[in-house]
Amino acid sequence: MTLVGGPTPSCANAWRSDVMSDDAALRDHIKKVVVQCLFLDVEPARIKDDENLMETYSVDSVNLFEIVVALEDDYGLSFEDEDFDVETFSTVASIAELVKRKQGGA
């Protein structure tokens, strides 16, 4: 995996047409958001649901902000301060659980 650029606000809504509510589609969408926001040179499908994003893809707080903005935009959500902790944003699966919870589905 190679970073090919820095995060940019243009990653918000980049995959809007893919926004769906079932679990697999949600995780796939989050993977696409991560790849787009971080300009990763990796296929979204290659990111494992339980892979630590911070360790594997060097996700930092600025990257997380970009991902959060994109997810808020795509799903019409608003994340609160209490939603932010390292565990919650460490994997695609944990981010998906948060999105589902915020949507009232978990």
N, C-alpha and C. Protein backbone atom coordinates (compact mmCIF):
# COMPACT_ATOMS: atom_id res chain seq x y z
N MET A 1 0.84 -1.16 0.00
CA MET A 1 0.00 0.00 0.00
C MET A 1 0.88 1.22 0.00
N THR A 2 0.48 2.22 -0.77
CA THR A 2 1.25 3.44 -0.92
C THR A 2 0.31 4.62 -0.84
N LEU A 3 0.69 5.61 -0.07
CA LEU A 3 -0.07 6.84 -0.05
C LEU A 3 0.31 7.64 -1.28
N VAL A 4 -0.67 8.09 -2.02
CA VAL A 4 -0.37 8.83 -3.25
C VAL A 4 -0.82 10.28 -3.16
N GLY A 5 -1.04 10.78 -1.98
CA GLY A 5 -1.44 12.17 -1.80
C GLY A 5 -1.96 12.36 -0.40
N GLY A 6 -2.40 13.57 -0.10
CA GLY A 6 -2.92 13.87 1.23
C GLY A 6 -4.43 13.93 1.21
N PRO A 7 -5.03 13.95 2.39
CA PRO A 7 -6.48 14.00 2.46
C PRO A 7 -7.00 15.33 1.94
N THR A 8 -8.20 15.31 1.43
CA THR A 8 -8.81 16.52 0.90
C THR A 8 -10.30 16.48 1.13
N PRO A 9 -10.93 17.63 1.32
CA PRO A 9 -12.37 17.64 1.54
C PRO A 9 -13.16 17.05 0.37
N SER A 10 -12.56 16.92 -0.80
CA SER A 10 -13.28 16.39 -1.94
C SER A 10 -13.65 14.92 -1.77
N CYS A 11 -13.13 14.25 -0.74
CA CYS A 11 -13.50 12.85 -0.55
C CYS A 11 -14.93 12.73 -0.04
N ALA A 12 -15.49 13.78 0.52
CA ALA A 12 -16.88 13.75 0.95
C ALA A 12 -17.77 13.60 -0.29
N ASN A 13 -18.70 12.69 -0.19
CA ASN A 13 -19.65 12.40 -1.28
C ASN A 13 -19.01 11.73 -2.48
N ALA A 14 -17.75 11.35 -2.40
CA ALA A 14 -17.08 10.74 -3.54
C ALA A 14 -17.77 9.46 -3.97
N TRP A 15 -18.39 8.77 -3.03
CA TRP A 15 -19.00 7.48 -3.33
C TRP A 15 -20.49 7.49 -3.01
N ARG A 16 -21.10 8.65 -3.01
CA ARG A 16 -22.49 8.80 -2.58
C ARG A 16 -23.44 7.80 -3.25
N SER A 17 -23.24 7.50 -4.50
CA SER A 17 -24.15 6.60 -5.19
C SER A 17 -24.09 5.18 -4.63
N ASP A 18 -23.06 4.86 -3.85
CA ASP A 18 -22.91 3.52 -3.29
C ASP A 18 -23.50 3.39 -1.89
N VAL A 19 -24.04 4.49 -1.33
CA VAL A 19 -24.52 4.46 0.05
C VAL A 19 -25.73 3.54 0.15
N MET A 20 -25.57 2.48 0.96
CA MET A 20 -26.63 1.51 1.18
C MET A 20 -26.67 1.19 2.67
N SER A 21 -27.70 0.50 3.09
CA SER A 21 -27.85 0.29 4.51
C SER A 21 -27.49 -1.10 5.01
N ASP A 22 -27.36 -2.12 4.14
CA ASP A 22 -27.03 -3.43 4.68
C ASP A 22 -25.57 -3.47 5.12
N ASP A 23 -25.27 -4.41 6.03
CA ASP A 23 -23.96 -4.44 6.68
C ASP A 23 -22.79 -4.54 5.70
N ALA A 24 -22.87 -5.46 4.75
CA ALA A 24 -21.77 -5.64 3.81
C ALA A 24 -21.58 -4.40 2.94
N ALA A 25 -22.68 -3.83 2.49
CA ALA A 25 -22.59 -2.62 1.66
C ALA A 25 -22.03 -1.45 2.48
N LEU A 26 -22.41 -1.37 3.74
CA LEU A 26 -21.91 -0.31 4.61
C LEU A 26 -20.40 -0.44 4.77
N ARG A 27 -19.92 -1.63 5.06
CA ARG A 27 -18.48 -1.84 5.22
C ARG A 27 -17.74 -1.56 3.91
N ASP A 28 -18.31 -1.98 2.79
CA ASP A 28 -17.69 -1.70 1.49
C ASP A 28 -17.61 -0.20 1.24
N HIS A 29 -18.68 0.50 1.59
CA HIS A 29 -18.69 1.95 1.39
C HIS A 29 -17.62 2.62 2.26
N ILE A 30 -17.49 2.20 3.50
CA ILE A 30 -16.49 2.77 4.40
C ILE A 30 -15.09 2.52 3.84
N LYS A 31 -14.85 1.35 3.29
CA LYS A 31 -13.54 1.05 2.68
C LYS A 31 -13.26 2.00 1.52
N LYS A 32 -14.27 2.26 0.71
CA LYS A 32 -14.10 3.19 -0.42
C LYS A 32 -13.81 4.59 0.08
N VAL A 33 -14.50 5.01 1.13
CA VAL A 33 -14.26 6.33 1.72
C VAL A 33 -12.82 6.42 2.23
N VAL A 34 -12.37 5.39 2.93
CA VAL A 34 -11.00 5.38 3.46
C VAL A 34 -9.99 5.50 2.31
N VAL A 35 -10.16 4.71 1.27
CA VAL A 35 -9.23 4.76 0.13
C VAL A 35 -9.25 6.13 -0.52
N GLN A 36 -10.45 6.67 -0.73
CA GLN A 36 -10.58 7.97 -1.39
C GLN A 36 -10.01 9.10 -0.54
N CYS A 37 -10.36 9.14 0.73
CA CYS A 37 -9.92 10.23 1.61
C CYS A 37 -8.42 10.20 1.87
N LEU A 38 -7.85 9.01 1.90
CA LEU A 38 -6.42 8.88 2.18
C LEU A 38 -5.58 8.73 0.91
N PHE A 39 -6.24 8.75 -0.24
CA PHE A 39 -5.54 8.57 -1.52
C PHE A 39 -4.66 7.33 -1.49
N LEU A 40 -5.22 6.24 -0.99
CA LEU A 40 -4.46 5.00 -0.90
C LEU A 40 -4.40 4.32 -2.27
N ASP A 41 -3.27 3.74 -2.54
CA ASP A 41 -3.09 2.97 -3.77
C ASP A 41 -3.36 1.50 -3.44
N VAL A 42 -4.61 1.23 -3.07
CA VAL A 42 -5.03 -0.11 -2.70
C VAL A 42 -6.51 -0.24 -3.08
N GLU A 43 -6.90 -1.41 -3.52
CA GLU A 43 -8.30 -1.65 -3.82
C GLU A 43 -9.09 -1.70 -2.51
N PRO A 44 -10.22 -1.02 -2.43
CA PRO A 44 -11.00 -1.05 -1.19
C PRO A 44 -11.30 -2.48 -0.70
N ALA A 45 -11.55 -3.38 -1.61
CA ALA A 45 -11.88 -4.76 -1.22
C ALA A 45 -10.73 -5.47 -0.52
N ARG A 46 -9.51 -4.96 -0.67
CA ARG A 46 -8.34 -5.58 -0.03
C ARG A 46 -8.21 -5.19 1.44
N ILE A 47 -8.96 -4.18 1.86
CA ILE A 47 -8.94 -3.78 3.27
C ILE A 47 -9.84 -4.74 4.04
N LYS A 48 -9.27 -5.38 5.05
CA LYS A 48 -10.03 -6.33 5.86
C LYS A 48 -10.89 -5.56 6.87
N ASP A 49 -12.06 -6.11 7.17
CA ASP A 49 -12.99 -5.45 8.10
C ASP A 49 -12.38 -5.21 9.48
N ASP A 50 -11.51 -6.13 9.92
CA ASP A 50 -10.94 -6.03 11.27
C ASP A 50 -9.48 -5.56 11.27
N GLU A 51 -9.01 -5.09 10.14
CA GLU A 51 -7.63 -4.60 10.01
C GLU A 51 -7.51 -3.24 10.71
N ASN A 52 -6.46 -3.06 11.49
CA ASN A 52 -6.25 -1.80 12.20
C ASN A 52 -5.80 -0.73 11.20
N LEU A 53 -6.67 0.23 10.94
CA LEU A 53 -6.39 1.26 9.94
C LEU A 53 -5.22 2.16 10.33
N MET A 54 -5.09 2.41 11.61
CA MET A 54 -4.02 3.30 12.07
C MET A 54 -2.65 2.66 11.89
N GLU A 55 -2.58 1.39 12.18
CA GLU A 55 -1.30 0.68 12.04
C GLU A 55 -0.99 0.35 10.59
N THR A 56 -1.97 -0.13 9.85
CA THR A 56 -1.73 -0.60 8.50
C THR A 56 -1.60 0.53 7.48
N TYR A 57 -2.45 1.57 7.64
CA TYR A 57 -2.49 2.64 6.64
C TYR A 57 -2.06 4.00 7.19
N SER A 58 -1.47 4.01 8.38
CA SER A 58 -0.97 5.23 9.01
C SER A 58 -2.03 6.31 9.13
N VAL A 59 -3.25 5.91 9.46
CA VAL A 59 -4.33 6.87 9.67
C VAL A 59 -4.03 7.67 10.92
N ASP A 60 -4.13 9.00 10.80
CA ASP A 60 -3.91 9.87 11.95
C ASP A 60 -5.16 10.71 12.18
N SER A 61 -5.10 11.65 13.11
CA SER A 61 -6.29 12.42 13.47
C SER A 61 -6.81 13.27 12.30
N VAL A 62 -5.92 13.79 11.48
CA VAL A 62 -6.35 14.57 10.31
C VAL A 62 -7.09 13.67 9.32
N ASN A 63 -6.55 12.47 9.09
CA ASN A 63 -7.21 11.51 8.21
C ASN A 63 -8.58 11.12 8.76
N LEU A 64 -8.65 10.90 10.07
CA LEU A 64 -9.92 10.54 10.68
C LEU A 64 -10.95 11.64 10.48
N PHE A 65 -10.52 12.88 10.59
CA PHE A 65 -11.43 14.00 10.38
C PHE A 65 -12.03 13.95 8.97
N GLU A 66 -11.19 13.69 7.98
CA GLU A 66 -11.66 13.59 6.60
C GLU A 66 -12.66 12.45 6.43
N ILE A 67 -12.36 11.33 7.04
CA ILE A 67 -13.27 10.17 6.96
C ILE A 67 -14.60 10.50 7.64
N VAL A 68 -14.54 11.11 8.80
CA VAL A 68 -15.74 11.48 9.54
C VAL A 68 -16.60 12.45 8.73
N VAL A 69 -15.99 13.47 8.14
CA VAL A 69 -16.73 14.44 7.34
C VAL A 69 -17.43 13.74 6.17
N ALA A 70 -16.71 12.85 5.51
CA ALA A 70 -17.30 12.12 4.38
C ALA A 70 -18.48 11.26 4.83
N LEU A 71 -18.33 10.55 5.95
CA LEU A 71 -19.41 9.70 6.44
C LEU A 71 -20.60 10.52 6.91
N GLU A 72 -20.35 11.64 7.57
CA GLU A 72 -21.44 12.52 7.99
C GLU A 72 -22.22 13.00 6.76
N ASP A 73 -21.49 13.39 5.74
CA ASP A 73 -22.11 13.85 4.50
C ASP A 73 -22.90 12.74 3.81
N ASP A 74 -22.28 11.60 3.66
CA ASP A 74 -22.89 10.49 2.93
C ASP A 74 -24.13 9.93 3.62
N TYR A 75 -24.11 9.89 4.95
CA TYR A 75 -25.19 9.26 5.68
C TYR A 75 -26.08 10.25 6.43
N GLY A 76 -25.79 11.55 6.32
CA GLY A 76 -26.60 12.55 7.01
C GLY A 76 -26.51 12.43 8.52
N LEU A 77 -25.34 12.05 9.01
CA LEU A 77 -25.12 11.85 10.44
C LEU A 77 -24.39 13.03 11.05
N SER A 78 -24.40 13.08 12.36
CA SER A 78 -23.58 14.04 13.09
C SER A 78 -22.90 13.28 14.23
N PHE A 79 -21.59 13.21 14.18
CA PHE A 79 -20.84 12.54 15.23
C PHE A 79 -20.59 13.52 16.37
N GLU A 80 -20.74 13.03 17.58
CA GLU A 80 -20.55 13.84 18.79
C GLU A 80 -19.17 13.55 19.37
N ASP A 81 -18.72 14.43 20.26
CA ASP A 81 -17.41 14.25 20.89
C ASP A 81 -17.27 12.87 21.53
N GLU A 82 -18.34 12.38 22.16
CA GLU A 82 -18.26 11.09 22.83
C GLU A 82 -18.13 9.91 21.86
N ASP A 83 -18.37 10.16 20.57
CA ASP A 83 -18.22 9.11 19.56
C ASP A 83 -16.76 8.85 19.21
N PHE A 84 -15.91 9.79 19.54
CA PHE A 84 -14.52 9.71 19.10
C PHE A 84 -13.63 9.05 20.14
N ASP A 85 -13.15 7.88 19.79
CA ASP A 85 -12.10 7.22 20.55
C ASP A 85 -11.34 6.31 19.59
N VAL A 86 -10.14 5.96 19.97
CA VAL A 86 -9.26 5.20 19.09
C VAL A 86 -9.87 3.88 18.69
N GLU A 87 -10.50 3.18 19.61
CA GLU A 87 -11.10 1.87 19.31
C GLU A 87 -12.20 1.98 18.26
N THR A 88 -13.04 2.98 18.39
CA THR A 88 -14.18 3.13 17.48
C THR A 88 -13.74 3.33 16.04
N PHE A 89 -12.66 4.05 15.83
CA PHE A 89 -12.22 4.36 14.48
C PHE A 89 -11.00 3.54 14.05
N SER A 90 -10.73 2.45 14.75
CA SER A 90 -9.54 1.66 14.42
C SER A 90 -9.75 0.68 13.28
N THR A 91 -11.00 0.23 13.06
CA THR A 91 -11.26 -0.75 12.00
C THR A 91 -12.51 -0.36 11.22
N VAL A 92 -12.64 -0.91 10.04
CA VAL A 92 -13.84 -0.72 9.23
C VAL A 92 -15.06 -1.25 9.98
N ALA A 93 -14.92 -2.41 10.60
CA ALA A 93 -16.04 -3.02 11.32
C ALA A 93 -16.52 -2.12 12.46
N SER A 94 -15.60 -1.54 13.23
CA SER A 94 -16.01 -0.69 14.34
C SER A 94 -16.61 0.63 13.86
N ILE A 95 -16.12 1.15 12.76
CA ILE A 95 -16.71 2.37 12.18
C ILE A 95 -18.13 2.05 11.69
N ALA A 96 -18.30 0.90 11.05
CA ALA A 96 -19.62 0.49 10.56
C ALA A 96 -20.60 0.36 11.72
N GLU A 97 -20.16 -0.20 12.83
CA GLU A 97 -21.04 -0.33 14.01
C GLU A 97 -21.47 1.04 14.50
N LEU A 98 -20.56 2.00 14.51
CA LEU A 98 -20.90 3.36 14.94
C LEU A 98 -21.92 3.98 13.98
N VAL A 99 -21.70 3.84 12.69
CA VAL A 99 -22.63 4.39 11.70
C VAL A 99 -24.02 3.77 11.90
N LYS A 100 -24.08 2.44 12.06
CA LYS A 100 -25.36 1.77 12.29
C LYS A 100 -26.04 2.28 13.56
N ARG A 101 -25.26 2.45 14.61
CA ARG A 101 -25.81 2.94 15.87
C ARG A 101 -26.36 4.36 15.70
N LYS A 102 -25.62 5.20 14.98
CA LYS A 102 -26.06 6.57 14.76
C LYS A 102 -27.31 6.62 13.89
N GLN A 103 -27.47 5.64 13.02
CA GLN A 103 -28.65 5.55 12.17
C GLN A 103 -29.83 4.94 12.91
N GLY A 104 -29.57 4.45 14.12
CA GLY A 104 -30.63 3.82 14.90
C GLY A 104 -30.84 2.35 14.56
N GLY A 105 -29.85 1.76 13.87
CA GLY A 105 -30.01 0.38 13.43
C GLY A 105 -29.26 -0.65 14.24
N ALA A 106 -28.63 -0.24 15.30
CA ALA A 106 -27.89 -1.24 16.07
C ALA A 106 -28.20 -1.11 17.54
